[in-house]
């Protein structure tokens, strides 16, 4: 199942809020920002209390609020026409494309509230890639494909051990002994 990163959505909503601070046509953006943050806090609280899902009535309330905010956003920002001078699709504003994405992909946006195994954001995945990009930036790249493959395999192995709360030193020791640790299936 695919989920979208809500940290990105919050940044984009913050951009709309900052770009139009007193515009009543953008009153939907702070509402959506607040809803997503509140839902994330509710899911986090439920997870902390050992629950594996939200109460159906609570989830239904959040979904209804989400729907109302999207309806308000559509009303305040109807499909626009920014002339491009070219044939083809009509260019939309940044705000309009955000609204369309939040509406069209609502299942992926709210996946974290339905399935507690799904994180609110993908910061962990981005953190895994950051070291790779840093390596490329510092040295320009790897000297050989084999070196890159070894580096990436080791990074992947260590990331998996951390995500499964397995001690990194134990995992490296097992790897050196040609008996790599594998997560339980």
C-alpha atoms as a PDB file:
ATOM      1  CA  UNK A   1       0.000   0.000   0.000  1.00  0.00           C
ATOM      2  CA  UNK A   2       1.286   3.425  -0.920  1.00  0.00           C
ATOM      3  CA  UNK A   3       1.251   6.384   1.448  1.00  0.00           C
ATOM      4  CA  UNK A   4       2.182   9.996   0.858  1.00  0.00           C
ATOM      5  CA  UNK A   5       4.492  12.040   3.066  1.00  0.00           C
ATOM      6  CA  UNK A   6       2.464  14.404   5.181  1.00  0.00           C
ATOM      7  CA  UNK A   7       5.550  16.366   6.216  1.00  0.00           C
ATOM      8  CA  UNK A   8       5.652  17.532   2.587  1.00  0.00           C
ATOM      9  CA  UNK A   9       1.960  18.397   2.698  1.00  0.00           C
ATOM     10  CA  UNK A  10       2.454  20.426   5.873  1.00  0.00           C
ATOM     11  CA  UNK A  11       5.319  22.343   4.236  1.00  0.00           C
ATOM     12  CA  UNK A  12       3.190  23.062   1.171  1.00  0.00           C
ATOM     13  CA  UNK A  13       0.241  24.139   3.321  1.00  0.00           C
ATOM     14  CA  UNK A  14       2.568  26.413   5.285  1.00  0.00           C
ATOM     15  CA  UNK A  15       3.677  27.924   1.967  1.00  0.00           C
ATOM     16  CA  UNK A  16       0.061  28.702   1.046  1.00  0.00           C
ATOM     17  CA  UNK A  17      -0.559  30.186   4.506  1.00  0.00           C
ATOM     18  CA  UNK A  18       2.563  32.374   4.341  1.00  0.00           C
ATOM     19  CA  UNK A  19       1.942  33.450   0.753  1.00  0.00           C
ATOM     20  CA  UNK A  20      -1.653  34.521   1.487  1.00  0.00           C
ATOM     21  CA  UNK A  21      -1.698  35.501   5.198  1.00  0.00           C
ATOM     22  CA  UNK A  22      -4.872  37.615   5.095  1.00  0.00           C
ATOM     23  CA  UNK A  23      -6.596  36.145   2.048  1.00  0.00           C
ATOM     24  CA  UNK A  24     -10.018  34.760   3.019  1.00  0.00           C
ATOM     25  CA  UNK A  25      -9.894  32.607  -0.133  1.00  0.00           C
ATOM     26  CA  UNK A  26      -7.179  30.554   1.534  1.00  0.00           C
ATOM     27  CA  UNK A  27      -8.898  29.946   4.885  1.00  0.00           C
ATOM     28  CA  UNK A  28      -8.903  26.230   4.068  1.00  0.00           C
ATOM     29  CA  UNK A  29      -5.087  25.890   4.346  1.00  0.00           C
ATOM     30  CA  UNK A  30      -4.765  26.537   8.109  1.00  0.00           C
ATOM     31  CA  UNK A  31      -7.751  24.234   8.682  1.00  0.00           C
ATOM     32  CA  UNK A  32      -6.116  21.390   6.737  1.00  0.00           C
ATOM     33  CA  UNK A  33      -2.788  22.004   8.474  1.00  0.00           C
ATOM     34  CA  UNK A  34      -4.479  21.841  11.877  1.00  0.00           C
ATOM     35  CA  UNK A  35      -6.476  18.729  10.919  1.00  0.00           C
ATOM     36  CA  UNK A  36      -3.419  16.780   9.747  1.00  0.00           C
ATOM     37  CA  UNK A  37      -1.407  17.753  12.839  1.00  0.00           C
ATOM     38  CA  UNK A  38      -4.285  16.873  15.161  1.00  0.00           C
ATOM     39  CA  UNK A  39      -4.868  13.537  13.441  1.00  0.00           C
ATOM     40  CA  UNK A  40      -1.138  12.724  13.689  1.00  0.00           C
ATOM     41  CA  UNK A  41      -1.234  13.543  17.413  1.00  0.00           C
ATOM     42  CA  UNK A  42      -4.352  11.402  17.887  1.00  0.00           C
ATOM     43  CA  UNK A  43      -2.728   8.455  16.100  1.00  0.00           C
ATOM     44  CA  UNK A  44       0.457   8.930  18.131  1.00  0.00           C
ATOM     45  CA  UNK A  45      -1.512   9.013  21.373  1.00  0.00           C
ATOM     46  CA  UNK A  46      -3.446   5.860  20.416  1.00  0.00           C
ATOM     47  CA  UNK A  47      -0.187   4.112  19.470  1.00  0.00           C
ATOM     48  CA  UNK A  48       1.365   5.111  22.814  1.00  0.00           C
ATOM     49  CA  UNK A  49      -1.636   3.625  24.600  1.00  0.00           C
ATOM     50  CA  UNK A  50      -1.066   0.294  22.845  1.00  0.00           C
ATOM     51  CA  UNK A  51      -3.960   0.578  20.428  1.00  0.00           C
ATOM     52  CA  UNK A  52      -3.546  -0.674  16.875  1.00  0.00           C
ATOM     53  CA  UNK A  53      -6.280   1.451  15.285  1.00  0.00           C
ATOM     54  CA  UNK A  54      -8.491   4.444  15.899  1.00  0.00           C
ATOM     55  CA  UNK A  55     -12.098   4.008  16.914  1.00  0.00           C
ATOM     56  CA  UNK A  56     -14.201   3.895  13.719  1.00  0.00           C
ATOM     57  CA  UNK A  57     -16.323   6.852  14.861  1.00  0.00           C
ATOM     58  CA  UNK A  58     -13.207   8.966  15.524  1.00  0.00           C
ATOM     59  CA  UNK A  59     -11.744   8.077  12.141  1.00  0.00           C
ATOM     60  CA  UNK A  60     -15.058   8.832  10.433  1.00  0.00           C
ATOM     61  CA  UNK A  61     -15.105  12.255  12.096  1.00  0.00           C
ATOM     62  CA  UNK A  62     -11.645  13.076  10.792  1.00  0.00           C
ATOM     63  CA  UNK A  63     -12.543  11.858   7.310  1.00  0.00           C
ATOM     64  CA  UNK A  64     -15.690  14.017   7.317  1.00  0.00           C
ATOM     65  CA  UNK A  65     -13.671  17.050   8.430  1.00  0.00           C
ATOM     66  CA  UNK A  66     -11.122  16.335   5.674  1.00  0.00           C
ATOM     67  CA  UNK A  67     -13.943  16.179   3.112  1.00  0.00           C
ATOM     68  CA  UNK A  68     -15.407  19.490   4.342  1.00  0.00           C
ATOM     69  CA  UNK A  69     -12.031  21.233   4.112  1.00  0.00           C
ATOM     70  CA  UNK A  70     -11.472  19.924   0.570  1.00  0.00           C
ATOM     71  CA  UNK A  71     -14.969  21.141  -0.394  1.00  0.00           C
ATOM     72  CA  UNK A  72     -14.172  24.576   1.072  1.00  0.00           C
ATOM     73  CA  UNK A  73     -10.833  24.643  -0.763  1.00  0.00           C
ATOM     74  CA  UNK A  74     -12.537  23.745  -4.061  1.00  0.00           C
ATOM     75  CA  UNK A  75     -15.103  26.499  -3.502  1.00  0.00           C
ATOM     76  CA  UNK A  76     -12.437  29.089  -2.624  1.00  0.00           C
ATOM     77  CA  UNK A  77     -10.074  28.013  -5.425  1.00  0.00           C
ATOM     78  CA  UNK A  78     -12.075  26.838  -8.441  1.00  0.00           C
ATOM     79  CA  UNK A  79     -10.226  25.322 -11.373  1.00  0.00           C
ATOM     80  CA  UNK A  80      -8.469  28.327 -12.799  1.00  0.00           C
ATOM     81  CA  UNK A  81      -7.310  29.401 -16.138  1.00  0.00           C
ATOM     82  CA  UNK A  82      -3.814  30.769 -16.243  1.00  0.00           C
ATOM     83  CA  UNK A  83      -3.245  31.340 -19.933  1.00  0.00           C
ATOM     84  CA  UNK A  84      -0.096  29.603 -21.100  1.00  0.00           C
ATOM     85  CA  UNK A  85      -0.238  30.766 -24.693  1.00  0.00           C
ATOM     86  CA  UNK A  86       0.135  27.153 -25.764  1.00  0.00           C
ATOM     87  CA  UNK A  87      -2.197  24.322 -26.537  1.00  0.00           C
ATOM     88  CA  UNK A  88      -2.731  21.550 -24.063  1.00  0.00           C
ATOM     89  CA  UNK A  89      -3.675  21.436 -20.423  1.00  0.00           C
ATOM     90  CA  UNK A  90      -4.449  24.691 -18.675  1.00  0.00           C
ATOM     91  CA  UNK A  91      -1.822  25.586 -16.116  1.00  0.00           C
ATOM     92  CA  UNK A  92      -3.122  25.638 -12.535  1.00  0.00           C
ATOM     93  CA  UNK A  93      -1.838  27.605  -9.577  1.00  0.00           C
ATOM     94  CA  UNK A  94       0.381  25.929  -6.981  1.00  0.00           C
ATOM     95  CA  UNK A  95      -2.515  26.121  -4.501  1.00  0.00           C
ATOM     96  CA  UNK A  96      -4.948  24.525  -6.933  1.00  0.00           C
ATOM     97  CA  UNK A  97      -2.591  21.634  -7.713  1.00  0.00           C
ATOM     98  CA  UNK A  98      -2.139  21.034  -3.975  1.00  0.00           C
ATOM     99  CA  UNK A  99      -5.914  20.912  -3.486  1.00  0.00           C
ATOM    100  CA  UNK A 100      -6.340  18.517  -6.405  1.00  0.00           C
ATOM    101  CA  UNK A 101      -3.605  16.227  -5.007  1.00  0.00           C
ATOM    102  CA  UNK A 102      -5.062  16.262  -1.484  1.00  0.00           C
ATOM    103  CA  UNK A 103      -8.484  15.421  -2.917  1.00  0.00           C
ATOM    104  CA  UNK A 104      -7.415  12.815  -5.467  1.00  0.00           C
ATOM    105  CA  UNK A 105      -4.948  11.053  -3.142  1.00  0.00           C
ATOM    106  CA  UNK A 106      -6.875  11.286   0.110  1.00  0.00           C
ATOM    107  CA  UNK A 107      -6.519   7.555   0.806  1.00  0.00           C
ATOM    108  CA  UNK A 108      -2.735   7.786   0.579  1.00  0.00           C
ATOM    109  CA  UNK A 109      -2.699  11.020   2.630  1.00  0.00           C
ATOM    110  CA  UNK A 110      -4.752   9.422   5.425  1.00  0.00           C
ATOM    111  CA  UNK A 111      -3.223   5.927   5.225  1.00  0.00           C
ATOM    112  CA  UNK A 112      -1.284   6.510   8.483  1.00  0.00           C
ATOM    113  CA  UNK A 113      -4.600   6.901  10.348  1.00  0.00           C
ATOM    114  CA  UNK A 114      -5.983   3.605   8.990  1.00  0.00           C
ATOM    115  CA  UNK A 115      -2.840   1.532   9.349  1.00  0.00           C
ATOM    116  CA  UNK A 116      -0.615   2.347  12.317  1.00  0.00           C
ATOM    117  CA  UNK A 117       2.323   0.577  10.661  1.00  0.00           C
ATOM    118  CA  UNK A 118       2.464   3.442   8.163  1.00  0.00           C
ATOM    119  CA  UNK A 119       4.323   6.524   9.403  1.00  0.00           C
ATOM    120  CA  UNK A 120       2.898  10.047   9.128  1.00  0.00           C
ATOM    121  CA  UNK A 121       5.870  11.089   7.023  1.00  0.00           C
ATOM    122  CA  UNK A 122       8.660   9.468   5.076  1.00  0.00           C
ATOM    123  CA  UNK A 123      11.479  11.166   6.959  1.00  0.00           C
ATOM    124  CA  UNK A 124      12.989   7.780   7.787  1.00  0.00           C
ATOM    125  CA  UNK A 125      13.261   6.892   4.102  1.00  0.00           C
ATOM    126  CA  UNK A 126      14.717  10.314   3.336  1.00  0.00           C
ATOM    127  CA  UNK A 127      17.207   9.876   6.168  1.00  0.00           C
ATOM    128  CA  UNK A 128      18.303   6.573   4.609  1.00  0.00           C
ATOM    129  CA  UNK A 129      19.002   8.337   1.312  1.00  0.00           C
ATOM    130  CA  UNK A 130      20.748  11.340   2.852  1.00  0.00           C
ATOM    131  CA  UNK A 131      24.034   9.487   3.439  1.00  0.00           C
ATOM    132  CA  UNK A 132      24.063   8.280  -0.157  1.00  0.00           C
ATOM    133  CA  UNK A 133      23.634  11.811  -1.456  1.00  0.00           C
ATOM    134  CA  UNK A 134      26.278  13.063   0.963  1.00  0.00           C
ATOM    135  CA  UNK A 135      28.731  10.412  -0.284  1.00  0.00           C
ATOM    136  CA  UNK A 136      28.109  11.507  -3.861  1.00  0.00           C
ATOM    137  CA  UNK A 137      28.498  15.168  -2.946  1.00  0.00           C
ATOM    138  CA  UNK A 138      31.776  14.732  -1.061  1.00  0.00           C
ATOM    139  CA  UNK A 139      33.594  12.403  -3.417  1.00  0.00           C
ATOM    140  CA  UNK A 140      31.661  13.188  -6.583  1.00  0.00           C
ATOM    141  CA  UNK A 141      30.609   9.574  -6.944  1.00  0.00           C
ATOM    142  CA  UNK A 142      31.917   6.059  -6.443  1.00  0.00           C
ATOM    143  CA  UNK A 143      34.916   4.910  -8.432  1.00  0.00           C
ATOM    144  CA  UNK A 144      33.304   1.629  -9.474  1.00  0.00           C
ATOM    145  CA  UNK A 145      29.839   0.150  -9.679  1.00  0.00           C
ATOM    146  CA  UNK A 146      31.015  -2.652  -7.393  1.00  0.00           C
ATOM    147  CA  UNK A 147      32.056  -0.128  -4.725  1.00  0.00           C
ATOM    148  CA  UNK A 148      28.671   1.592  -4.944  1.00  0.00           C
ATOM    149  CA  UNK A 149      26.832  -1.730  -4.672  1.00  0.00           C
ATOM    150  CA  UNK A 150      28.852  -2.751  -1.593  1.00  0.00           C
ATOM    151  CA  UNK A 151      28.278   0.632   0.046  1.00  0.00           C
ATOM    152  CA  UNK A 152      24.526   0.526  -0.649  1.00  0.00           C
ATOM    153  CA  UNK A 153      24.168  -3.093   0.501  1.00  0.00           C
ATOM    154  CA  UNK A 154      25.897  -2.292   3.796  1.00  0.00           C
ATOM    155  CA  UNK A 155      23.803   0.865   4.314  1.00  0.00           C
ATOM    156  CA  UNK A 156      20.626  -1.102   3.609  1.00  0.00           C
ATOM    157  CA  UNK A 157      21.642  -3.884   6.007  1.00  0.00           C
ATOM    158  CA  UNK A 158      22.420  -1.422   8.825  1.00  0.00           C
ATOM    159  CA  UNK A 159      19.214   0.536   8.206  1.00  0.00           C
ATOM    160  CA  UNK A 160      17.181  -2.678   8.441  1.00  0.00           C
ATOM    161  CA  UNK A 161      18.851  -3.638  11.728  1.00  0.00           C
ATOM    162  CA  UNK A 162      18.070  -0.206  13.208  1.00  0.00           C
ATOM    163  CA  UNK A 163      14.437  -0.345  12.047  1.00  0.00           C
ATOM    164  CA  UNK A 164      14.094  -3.744  13.740  1.00  0.00           C
ATOM    165  CA  UNK A 165      15.773  -2.585  16.968  1.00  0.00           C
ATOM    166  CA  UNK A 166      18.609  -5.076  16.496  1.00  0.00           C
ATOM    167  CA  UNK A 167      21.984  -3.972  17.941  1.00  0.00           C
ATOM    168  CA  UNK A 168      24.177  -2.659  15.133  1.00  0.00           C
ATOM    169  CA  UNK A 169      27.388  -4.088  16.633  1.00  0.00           C
ATOM    170  CA  UNK A 170      25.820  -7.555  16.811  1.00  0.00           C
ATOM    171  CA  UNK A 171      24.681  -7.274  13.203  1.00  0.00           C
ATOM    172  CA  UNK A 172      28.141  -6.236  11.989  1.00  0.00           C
ATOM    173  CA  UNK A 173      29.756  -9.029  14.030  1.00  0.00           C
ATOM    174  CA  UNK A 174      27.368 -11.575  12.517  1.00  0.00           C
ATOM    175  CA  UNK A 175      28.055 -10.208   9.039  1.00  0.00           C
ATOM    176  CA  UNK A 176      31.815 -10.493   9.547  1.00  0.00           C
ATOM    177  CA  UNK A 177      31.313 -14.120  10.661  1.00  0.00           C
ATOM    178  CA  UNK A 178      29.461 -14.805   7.361  1.00  0.00           C
ATOM    179  CA  UNK A 179      26.202 -15.373   9.261  1.00  0.00           C
ATOM    180  CA  UNK A 180      24.274 -12.149   8.605  1.00  0.00           C
ATOM    181  CA  UNK A 181      21.355 -11.268  10.835  1.00  0.00           C
ATOM    182  CA  UNK A 182      17.994 -11.415   9.066  1.00  0.00           C
ATOM    183  CA  UNK A 183      14.724  -9.950  10.343  1.00  0.00           C
ATOM    184  CA  UNK A 184      11.975 -12.342  11.377  1.00  0.00           C
ATOM    185  CA  UNK A 185       9.493 -13.033   8.612  1.00  0.00           C
END
